[in-house]
């Protein structure tokens, strides 16, 4: 499932958070590639700036969660807003990872590596819901592959978000018409649900794959 939502946050909240991510006191970290070091995917070596806000203890590699005490409390509201667009049976959710990405203007369109964010035993985790929130309107995009492997183009429009099951391959492009593009990337885990529906009059239960909804 893929959901594209415009005017995602109330305007005053969006303007406040935009001021936070654009403020010159925000400490960004230089990333000399946009995918993991061991990921050979073409486009994975494109540079960006990053700011990790939260990483679950199971992903951090340190046995404890990473938590930015300074600004994570401000951005934690995203989980609540995302849950408003999810089915009740998928709640409550659990935050797995949240980070800000800043893409500089390279003077040309750059395509980042095709990937999924969270894997389990080397495969995309079907319990994850991923989102990309745009702080800027520019000519960059996020592309997703749907179930038929067709590309879905999501333009970068300020205060818009695309929410999708974590099994969807996706990638982003850089912009040429603004100096920077800032996005917030989140990964949350759905609540455990029984994939079998209630039995019909013959006692049969219909199976609904967990990655078909959120």
C-alpha atoms as a PDB file:
ATOM      1  CA  UNK A   1       0.000   0.000   0.000  1.00  0.00           C
ATOM      2  CA  UNK A   2       1.194   3.524  -0.842  1.00  0.00           C
ATOM      3  CA  UNK A   3      -0.399   6.707   0.516  1.00  0.00           C
ATOM      4  CA  UNK A   4       0.543  10.223  -0.592  1.00  0.00           C
ATOM      5  CA  UNK A   5      -0.798  12.948   1.706  1.00  0.00           C
ATOM      6  CA  UNK A   6      -0.541  16.691   1.120  1.00  0.00           C
ATOM      7  CA  UNK A   7      -0.795  19.282   3.934  1.00  0.00           C
ATOM      8  CA  UNK A   8       0.201  16.540   6.345  1.00  0.00           C
ATOM      9  CA  UNK A   9       0.919  18.722   9.385  1.00  0.00           C
ATOM     10  CA  UNK A  10      -1.068  21.712  10.640  1.00  0.00           C
ATOM     11  CA  UNK A  11       0.513  24.795   9.047  1.00  0.00           C
ATOM     12  CA  UNK A  12       1.784  26.362  12.329  1.00  0.00           C
ATOM     13  CA  UNK A  13       3.463  23.095  13.326  1.00  0.00           C
ATOM     14  CA  UNK A  14       5.015  22.667   9.891  1.00  0.00           C
ATOM     15  CA  UNK A  15       6.394  26.210   9.904  1.00  0.00           C
ATOM     16  CA  UNK A  16       7.872  25.687  13.373  1.00  0.00           C
ATOM     17  CA  UNK A  17       9.610  22.421  12.429  1.00  0.00           C
ATOM     18  CA  UNK A  18      10.818  23.926   9.150  1.00  0.00           C
ATOM     19  CA  UNK A  19      12.499  26.635  11.200  1.00  0.00           C
ATOM     20  CA  UNK A  20      14.151  23.944  13.327  1.00  0.00           C
ATOM     21  CA  UNK A  21      15.604  21.958  10.401  1.00  0.00           C
ATOM     22  CA  UNK A  22      16.764  25.085   8.565  1.00  0.00           C
ATOM     23  CA  UNK A  23      18.324  26.740  11.612  1.00  0.00           C
ATOM     24  CA  UNK A  24      22.078  27.277  11.365  1.00  0.00           C
ATOM     25  CA  UNK A  25      22.641  25.759  14.827  1.00  0.00           C
ATOM     26  CA  UNK A  26      21.423  22.309  13.789  1.00  0.00           C
ATOM     27  CA  UNK A  27      24.437  20.014  13.668  1.00  0.00           C
ATOM     28  CA  UNK A  28      24.417  17.872  10.517  1.00  0.00           C
ATOM     29  CA  UNK A  29      26.717  14.905   9.958  1.00  0.00           C
ATOM     30  CA  UNK A  30      28.502  14.419   6.659  1.00  0.00           C
ATOM     31  CA  UNK A  31      27.612  11.142   4.931  1.00  0.00           C
ATOM     32  CA  UNK A  32      29.919  10.222   2.058  1.00  0.00           C
ATOM     33  CA  UNK A  33      27.285   7.791   0.776  1.00  0.00           C
ATOM     34  CA  UNK A  34      23.484   7.473   1.111  1.00  0.00           C
ATOM     35  CA  UNK A  35      23.329   3.687   1.575  1.00  0.00           C
ATOM     36  CA  UNK A  36      25.174   1.335   3.895  1.00  0.00           C
ATOM     37  CA  UNK A  37      28.893   0.813   3.288  1.00  0.00           C
ATOM     38  CA  UNK A  38      28.413  -2.822   2.254  1.00  0.00           C
ATOM     39  CA  UNK A  39      25.548  -2.008  -0.165  1.00  0.00           C
ATOM     40  CA  UNK A  40      26.821  -2.187  -3.780  1.00  0.00           C
ATOM     41  CA  UNK A  41      23.637  -0.679  -5.281  1.00  0.00           C
ATOM     42  CA  UNK A  42      24.395   1.883  -8.036  1.00  0.00           C
ATOM     43  CA  UNK A  43      23.757   5.393  -6.733  1.00  0.00           C
ATOM     44  CA  UNK A  44      24.477   4.345  -3.158  1.00  0.00           C
ATOM     45  CA  UNK A  45      27.659   6.411  -3.025  1.00  0.00           C
ATOM     46  CA  UNK A  46      25.990   9.802  -3.560  1.00  0.00           C
ATOM     47  CA  UNK A  47      26.796  12.179  -0.698  1.00  0.00           C
ATOM     48  CA  UNK A  48      24.346  13.783   1.723  1.00  0.00           C
ATOM     49  CA  UNK A  49      24.084  15.242   5.204  1.00  0.00           C
ATOM     50  CA  UNK A  50      22.246  13.374   7.927  1.00  0.00           C
ATOM     51  CA  UNK A  51      20.866  13.820  11.426  1.00  0.00           C
ATOM     52  CA  UNK A  52      19.850  10.691  13.331  1.00  0.00           C
ATOM     53  CA  UNK A  53      17.015  11.334  15.784  1.00  0.00           C
ATOM     54  CA  UNK A  54      16.218   7.806  16.950  1.00  0.00           C
ATOM     55  CA  UNK A  55      17.367   4.233  16.372  1.00  0.00           C
ATOM     56  CA  UNK A  56      15.905   1.228  18.170  1.00  0.00           C
ATOM     57  CA  UNK A  57      18.326  -0.783  20.298  1.00  0.00           C
ATOM     58  CA  UNK A  58      18.082  -3.802  17.976  1.00  0.00           C
ATOM     59  CA  UNK A  59      19.325  -1.704  15.039  1.00  0.00           C
ATOM     60  CA  UNK A  60      21.861   0.554  16.715  1.00  0.00           C
ATOM     61  CA  UNK A  61      24.588  -2.076  16.954  1.00  0.00           C
ATOM     62  CA  UNK A  62      25.352  -0.890  20.486  1.00  0.00           C
ATOM     63  CA  UNK A  63      22.687  -2.815  22.376  1.00  0.00           C
ATOM     64  CA  UNK A  64      20.925   0.407  23.361  1.00  0.00           C
ATOM     65  CA  UNK A  65      18.745   2.924  21.585  1.00  0.00           C
ATOM     66  CA  UNK A  66      20.066   6.116  20.032  1.00  0.00           C
ATOM     67  CA  UNK A  67      17.951   9.098  21.090  1.00  0.00           C
ATOM     68  CA  UNK A  68      18.559  12.766  20.307  1.00  0.00           C
ATOM     69  CA  UNK A  69      17.367  14.387  23.531  1.00  0.00           C
ATOM     70  CA  UNK A  70      17.477  17.836  21.990  1.00  0.00           C
ATOM     71  CA  UNK A  71      15.069  17.582  19.066  1.00  0.00           C
ATOM     72  CA  UNK A  72      13.560  14.075  19.039  1.00  0.00           C
ATOM     73  CA  UNK A  73      10.801  15.225  21.448  1.00  0.00           C
ATOM     74  CA  UNK A  74       9.734  17.742  18.768  1.00  0.00           C
ATOM     75  CA  UNK A  75       9.582  15.216  15.946  1.00  0.00           C
ATOM     76  CA  UNK A  76       8.016  12.377  17.937  1.00  0.00           C
ATOM     77  CA  UNK A  77       4.596  13.789  17.000  1.00  0.00           C
ATOM     78  CA  UNK A  78       5.083  12.380  13.507  1.00  0.00           C
ATOM     79  CA  UNK A  79       4.337   8.905  14.817  1.00  0.00           C
ATOM     80  CA  UNK A  80       0.915  10.072  16.015  1.00  0.00           C
ATOM     81  CA  UNK A  81       0.116  11.815  12.739  1.00  0.00           C
ATOM     82  CA  UNK A  82       1.183   8.752  10.732  1.00  0.00           C
ATOM     83  CA  UNK A  83      -0.987   6.481  12.898  1.00  0.00           C
ATOM     84  CA  UNK A  84      -4.027   8.587  11.933  1.00  0.00           C
ATOM     85  CA  UNK A  85      -3.644   7.190   8.408  1.00  0.00           C
ATOM     86  CA  UNK A  86      -3.311   3.564   9.512  1.00  0.00           C
ATOM     87  CA  UNK A  87      -5.921   0.950  10.279  1.00  0.00           C
ATOM     88  CA  UNK A  88      -6.748   0.419  13.948  1.00  0.00           C
ATOM     89  CA  UNK A  89      -5.605  -3.204  13.823  1.00  0.00           C
ATOM     90  CA  UNK A  90      -2.059  -2.001  13.090  1.00  0.00           C
ATOM     91  CA  UNK A  91      -1.876   0.122  16.255  1.00  0.00           C
ATOM     92  CA  UNK A  92      -0.156   0.827  18.531  1.00  0.00           C
ATOM     93  CA  UNK A  93       3.020   1.194  16.529  1.00  0.00           C
ATOM     94  CA  UNK A  94       6.617   1.247  17.681  1.00  0.00           C
ATOM     95  CA  UNK A  95       9.224   3.704  16.419  1.00  0.00           C
ATOM     96  CA  UNK A  96      12.200   1.852  14.918  1.00  0.00           C
ATOM     97  CA  UNK A  97      14.196   4.633  13.266  1.00  0.00           C
ATOM     98  CA  UNK A  98      13.817   8.346  12.525  1.00  0.00           C
ATOM     99  CA  UNK A  99      16.349  10.531  10.745  1.00  0.00           C
ATOM    100  CA  UNK A 100      16.660  13.756   8.796  1.00  0.00           C
ATOM    101  CA  UNK A 101      18.420  13.812   5.425  1.00  0.00           C
ATOM    102  CA  UNK A 102      19.709  16.933   3.686  1.00  0.00           C
ATOM    103  CA  UNK A 103      20.553  16.636  -0.003  1.00  0.00           C
ATOM    104  CA  UNK A 104      22.719  19.414  -1.470  1.00  0.00           C
ATOM    105  CA  UNK A 105      22.309  20.734  -4.997  1.00  0.00           C
ATOM    106  CA  UNK A 106      24.779  18.898  -7.250  1.00  0.00           C
ATOM    107  CA  UNK A 107      23.975  21.028 -10.301  1.00  0.00           C
ATOM    108  CA  UNK A 108      22.411  17.974 -11.933  1.00  0.00           C
ATOM    109  CA  UNK A 109      19.821  15.358 -11.111  1.00  0.00           C
ATOM    110  CA  UNK A 110      21.390  12.498  -9.143  1.00  0.00           C
ATOM    111  CA  UNK A 111      19.600   9.186  -8.630  1.00  0.00           C
ATOM    112  CA  UNK A 112      20.161   7.510  -5.271  1.00  0.00           C
ATOM    113  CA  UNK A 113      20.353   3.763  -4.776  1.00  0.00           C
ATOM    114  CA  UNK A 114      17.237   1.572  -4.893  1.00  0.00           C
ATOM    115  CA  UNK A 115      16.662   0.016  -1.472  1.00  0.00           C
ATOM    116  CA  UNK A 116      14.371  -0.882   1.405  1.00  0.00           C
ATOM    117  CA  UNK A 117      15.088   0.694   4.793  1.00  0.00           C
ATOM    118  CA  UNK A 118      14.766  -2.161   7.291  1.00  0.00           C
ATOM    119  CA  UNK A 119      15.630  -5.790   6.613  1.00  0.00           C
ATOM    120  CA  UNK A 120      15.169  -8.962   8.633  1.00  0.00           C
ATOM    121  CA  UNK A 121      17.345 -11.992   7.846  1.00  0.00           C
ATOM    122  CA  UNK A 122      18.425 -10.284   4.640  1.00  0.00           C
ATOM    123  CA  UNK A 123      14.877  -9.603   3.425  1.00  0.00           C
ATOM    124  CA  UNK A 124      12.622  -6.507   3.666  1.00  0.00           C
ATOM    125  CA  UNK A 125      10.762  -6.515   6.985  1.00  0.00           C
ATOM    126  CA  UNK A 126       6.988  -6.831   6.224  1.00  0.00           C
ATOM    127  CA  UNK A 127       6.029  -5.418   9.638  1.00  0.00           C
ATOM    128  CA  UNK A 128       7.591  -2.020   8.868  1.00  0.00           C
ATOM    129  CA  UNK A 129       5.801   1.094   7.592  1.00  0.00           C
ATOM    130  CA  UNK A 130       8.189   3.610   6.011  1.00  0.00           C
ATOM    131  CA  UNK A 131       7.571   7.291   5.305  1.00  0.00           C
ATOM    132  CA  UNK A 132       9.325  10.197   3.601  1.00  0.00           C
ATOM    133  CA  UNK A 133       8.207  13.689   4.635  1.00  0.00           C
ATOM    134  CA  UNK A 134       9.190  16.706   2.518  1.00  0.00           C
ATOM    135  CA  UNK A 135      10.195  20.039   4.012  1.00  0.00           C
ATOM    136  CA  UNK A 136      10.780  21.717   0.630  1.00  0.00           C
ATOM    137  CA  UNK A 137       9.095  22.079  -2.724  1.00  0.00           C
ATOM    138  CA  UNK A 138      11.626  21.399  -5.476  1.00  0.00           C
ATOM    139  CA  UNK A 139      12.133  19.301  -8.611  1.00  0.00           C
ATOM    140  CA  UNK A 140      13.453  16.276  -6.703  1.00  0.00           C
ATOM    141  CA  UNK A 141      11.340  13.144  -6.273  1.00  0.00           C
ATOM    142  CA  UNK A 142      10.904   9.952  -4.350  1.00  0.00           C
ATOM    143  CA  UNK A 143      10.222   6.908  -6.512  1.00  0.00           C
ATOM    144  CA  UNK A 144       8.646   3.674  -5.294  1.00  0.00           C
ATOM    145  CA  UNK A 145       8.136   0.342  -7.006  1.00  0.00           C
ATOM    146  CA  UNK A 146       4.591  -0.961  -6.591  1.00  0.00           C
ATOM    147  CA  UNK A 147       3.594  -4.611  -6.498  1.00  0.00           C
ATOM    148  CA  UNK A 148       3.730  -4.797 -10.295  1.00  0.00           C
ATOM    149  CA  UNK A 149       7.253  -3.312 -10.225  1.00  0.00           C
ATOM    150  CA  UNK A 150       5.956  -0.109 -11.809  1.00  0.00           C
ATOM    151  CA  UNK A 151       7.480   3.164 -10.628  1.00  0.00           C
ATOM    152  CA  UNK A 152       5.300   5.533  -8.623  1.00  0.00           C
ATOM    153  CA  UNK A 153       6.641   9.099  -8.762  1.00  0.00           C
ATOM    154  CA  UNK A 154       6.173  11.251  -5.648  1.00  0.00           C
ATOM    155  CA  UNK A 155       7.232  14.895  -6.185  1.00  0.00           C
ATOM    156  CA  UNK A 156       8.919  16.839  -3.404  1.00  0.00           C
ATOM    157  CA  UNK A 157       6.193  19.188  -2.143  1.00  0.00           C
ATOM    158  CA  UNK A 158       6.576  20.996   1.169  1.00  0.00           C
ATOM    159  CA  UNK A 159       4.473  19.500   3.996  1.00  0.00           C
ATOM    160  CA  UNK A 160       3.641  16.365   2.017  1.00  0.00           C
ATOM    161  CA  UNK A 161       4.420  12.776   2.974  1.00  0.00           C
ATOM    162  CA  UNK A 162       4.416   9.395   1.302  1.00  0.00           C
ATOM    163  CA  UNK A 163       3.690   6.430   3.595  1.00  0.00           C
ATOM    164  CA  UNK A 164       4.229   2.891   2.356  1.00  0.00           C
ATOM    165  CA  UNK A 165       4.847  -0.680   3.430  1.00  0.00           C
ATOM    166  CA  UNK A 166       8.522  -1.279   4.098  1.00  0.00           C
ATOM    167  CA  UNK A 167       8.655  -4.019   1.467  1.00  0.00           C
ATOM    168  CA  UNK A 168       8.416  -1.467  -1.362  1.00  0.00           C
ATOM    169  CA  UNK A 169      11.736  -0.731  -3.029  1.00  0.00           C
ATOM    170  CA  UNK A 170      12.304   3.016  -3.313  1.00  0.00           C
ATOM    171  CA  UNK A 171      14.885   5.686  -4.063  1.00  0.00           C
ATOM    172  CA  UNK A 172      15.203   9.455  -4.228  1.00  0.00           C
ATOM    173  CA  UNK A 173      16.665  11.991  -6.610  1.00  0.00           C
ATOM    174  CA  UNK A 174      18.411  15.272  -5.946  1.00  0.00           C
ATOM    175  CA  UNK A 175      17.172  18.701  -6.998  1.00  0.00           C
ATOM    176  CA  UNK A 176      18.583  21.396  -9.290  1.00  0.00           C
ATOM    177  CA  UNK A 177      16.272  24.318  -8.477  1.00  0.00           C
ATOM    178  CA  UNK A 178      16.927  24.788  -4.726  1.00  0.00           C
ATOM    179  CA  UNK A 179      20.126  24.800  -2.662  1.00  0.00           C
ATOM    180  CA  UNK A 180      18.952  21.930  -0.463  1.00  0.00           C
ATOM    181  CA  UNK A 181      16.241  19.346   0.024  1.00  0.00           C
ATOM    182  CA  UNK A 182      15.457  18.186   3.559  1.00  0.00           C
ATOM    183  CA  UNK A 183      13.314  15.121   4.260  1.00  0.00           C
ATOM    184  CA  UNK A 184      12.340  13.245   7.402  1.00  0.00           C
ATOM    185  CA  UNK A 185      12.543   9.481   7.049  1.00  0.00           C
ATOM    186  CA  UNK A 186      10.711   7.296   9.582  1.00  0.00           C
ATOM    187  CA  UNK A 187      10.309   3.557  10.046  1.00  0.00           C
ATOM    188  CA  UNK A 188       7.712   2.277  12.490  1.00  0.00           C
ATOM    189  CA  UNK A 189       6.632  -1.262  13.286  1.00  0.00           C
ATOM    190  CA  UNK A 190       2.972  -2.262  13.065  1.00  0.00           C
ATOM    191  CA  UNK A 191       1.276  -4.038  15.926  1.00  0.00           C
ATOM    192  CA  UNK A 192       1.101  -7.812  15.607  1.00  0.00           C
ATOM    193  CA  UNK A 193      -2.188  -8.932  14.102  1.00  0.00           C
ATOM    194  CA  UNK A 194      -3.737 -12.265  13.206  1.00  0.00           C
ATOM    195  CA  UNK A 195      -3.509 -12.537   9.397  1.00  0.00           C
ATOM    196  CA  UNK A 196      -6.605 -14.765   9.335  1.00  0.00           C
ATOM    197  CA  UNK A 197     -10.005 -13.087   9.289  1.00  0.00           C
ATOM    198  CA  UNK A 198     -13.065 -14.305  11.216  1.00  0.00           C
ATOM    199  CA  UNK A 199     -14.487 -17.647  10.035  1.00  0.00           C
ATOM    200  CA  UNK A 200     -17.446 -17.616   7.626  1.00  0.00           C
ATOM    201  CA  UNK A 201     -20.544 -19.804   7.939  1.00  0.00           C
ATOM    202  CA  UNK A 202     -18.507 -22.785   6.698  1.00  0.00           C
ATOM    203  CA  UNK A 203     -15.746 -22.194   9.218  1.00  0.00           C
ATOM    204  CA  UNK A 204     -13.264 -21.021   6.590  1.00  0.00           C
ATOM    205  CA  UNK A 205     -10.928 -18.144   7.356  1.00  0.00           C
ATOM    206  CA  UNK A 206      -9.521 -15.860   4.697  1.00  0.00           C
ATOM    207  CA  UNK A 207      -5.786 -15.100   4.825  1.00  0.00           C
ATOM    208  CA  UNK A 208      -4.662 -11.500   4.402  1.00  0.00           C
ATOM    209  CA  UNK A 209      -0.891 -11.028   3.960  1.00  0.00           C
ATOM    210  CA  UNK A 210       0.469  -8.658   6.573  1.00  0.00           C
ATOM    211  CA  UNK A 211       2.344  -6.483   4.097  1.00  0.00           C
ATOM    212  CA  UNK A 212      -0.844  -5.649   2.141  1.00  0.00           C
ATOM    213  CA  UNK A 213      -2.079  -3.015   4.560  1.00  0.00           C
ATOM    214  CA  UNK A 214      -1.093  -0.603   7.282  1.00  0.00           C
END
